[in-house]
Amino acid sequence: MMQRPMHVGLTGGIGSGKSTLGQMLQSCGAALIDADAIARSVTLAGGAAIADIRAAFGQDAIDATGAMDRARMRTRAFT
């Protein structure tokens, strides 16, 4: 009988060990999809999400380098 692959989602706060456990699982042959890395890559200057972010939140959401202004968006999200 063929086994189905196991899917595991790692969640937790800053410093909770997600990256460490992810590395441990990778060392055992697991594939890792890092949603944080993906989100960062699409919000860098020229990233796939920049035009949509600008359209939804205005030019103030984009910093001088053309990337999403993380500090400004963080403030906006938590106020």
Protein backbone atom coordinates (compact mmCIF):
# COMPACT_ATOMS: atom_id res chain seq x y z
CA MET A 1 0.00 0.00 0.00
CA MET A 2 1.36 3.41 -0.97
CA GLN A 3 1.68 5.92 1.85
CA ARG A 4 0.34 9.42 1.38
CA PRO A 5 2.81 12.21 2.10
CA MET A 6 2.48 13.96 5.42
CA HIS A 7 1.95 17.73 5.40
CA VAL A 8 2.98 19.68 8.50
CA GLY A 9 2.45 23.37 9.16
CA LEU A 10 4.76 25.11 11.61
CA THR A 11 3.38 28.12 13.42
CA GLY A 12 4.46 30.09 16.45
CA GLY A 13 5.74 33.39 17.68
CA ILE A 14 9.13 34.97 17.16
CA GLY A 15 11.87 32.83 18.67
CA SER A 16 9.65 29.78 19.12
CA GLY A 17 11.88 27.47 17.07
CA LYS A 18 10.06 27.27 13.74
CA SER A 19 13.23 27.76 11.69
CA THR A 20 15.19 25.30 13.79
CA LEU A 21 12.53 22.61 13.48
CA GLY A 22 12.18 23.32 9.76
CA GLN A 23 15.93 22.80 9.31
CA MET A 24 15.76 19.58 11.33
CA LEU A 25 12.93 18.28 9.17
CA GLN A 26 14.85 19.22 6.01
CA SER A 27 17.87 17.29 7.26
CA CYS A 28 15.58 14.23 7.41
CA GLY A 29 14.57 14.73 3.78
CA ALA A 30 11.47 16.89 4.15
CA ALA A 31 10.65 19.62 1.66
CA LEU A 32 10.18 23.06 3.19
CA ILE A 33 8.02 25.87 1.87
CA ASP A 34 8.81 29.08 3.75
CA ALA A 35 5.79 31.39 3.47
CA ASP A 36 7.71 34.24 5.14
CA ALA A 37 10.45 34.06 2.49
CA ILE A 38 7.85 34.01 -0.28
CA ALA A 39 6.02 37.01 1.19
CA ARG A 40 9.28 38.95 1.47
CA SER A 41 10.30 38.18 -2.10
CA VAL A 42 7.05 39.43 -3.61
CA THR A 43 7.19 42.67 -1.58
CA LEU A 44 10.77 43.61 -2.50
CA ALA A 45 11.40 46.29 -5.11
CA GLY A 46 10.09 44.90 -8.39
CA GLY A 47 8.24 42.11 -6.58
CA ALA A 48 5.04 40.67 -7.97
CA ALA A 49 2.87 42.22 -5.23
CA ILE A 50 4.17 45.81 -5.39
CA ALA A 51 1.70 47.10 -7.99
CA ASP A 52 -1.26 45.62 -6.10
CA ILE A 53 0.01 47.01 -2.77
CA ARG A 54 0.41 50.46 -4.33
CA ALA A 55 -3.09 50.25 -5.84
CA ALA A 56 -4.70 49.16 -2.58
CA PHE A 57 -2.78 51.31 -0.08
CA GLY A 58 -1.26 54.16 -2.07
CA GLN A 59 2.28 55.28 -2.76
CA ASP A 60 2.92 55.73 0.99
CA ALA A 61 2.98 51.93 1.30
CA ILE A 62 6.09 51.82 -0.93
CA ASP A 63 9.49 52.96 0.35
CA ALA A 64 12.21 54.90 -1.48
CA THR A 65 13.76 51.69 -2.85
CA GLY A 66 10.47 50.57 -4.41
CA ALA A 67 9.82 47.83 -1.83
CA MET A 68 6.84 47.65 0.47
CA ASP A 69 7.42 49.92 3.46
CA ARG A 70 7.23 47.25 6.17
CA ALA A 71 7.37 49.68 9.09
CA ARG A 72 4.56 51.82 7.68
CA MET A 73 2.41 48.81 6.85
CA ARG A 74 3.05 47.28 10.29
CA THR A 75 1.92 50.54 11.93
CA ARG A 76 -1.12 50.67 9.68
CA ALA A 77 -2.07 47.07 10.49
CA PHE A 78 -1.78 47.46 14.25
CA THR A 79 -3.39 50.89 14.75
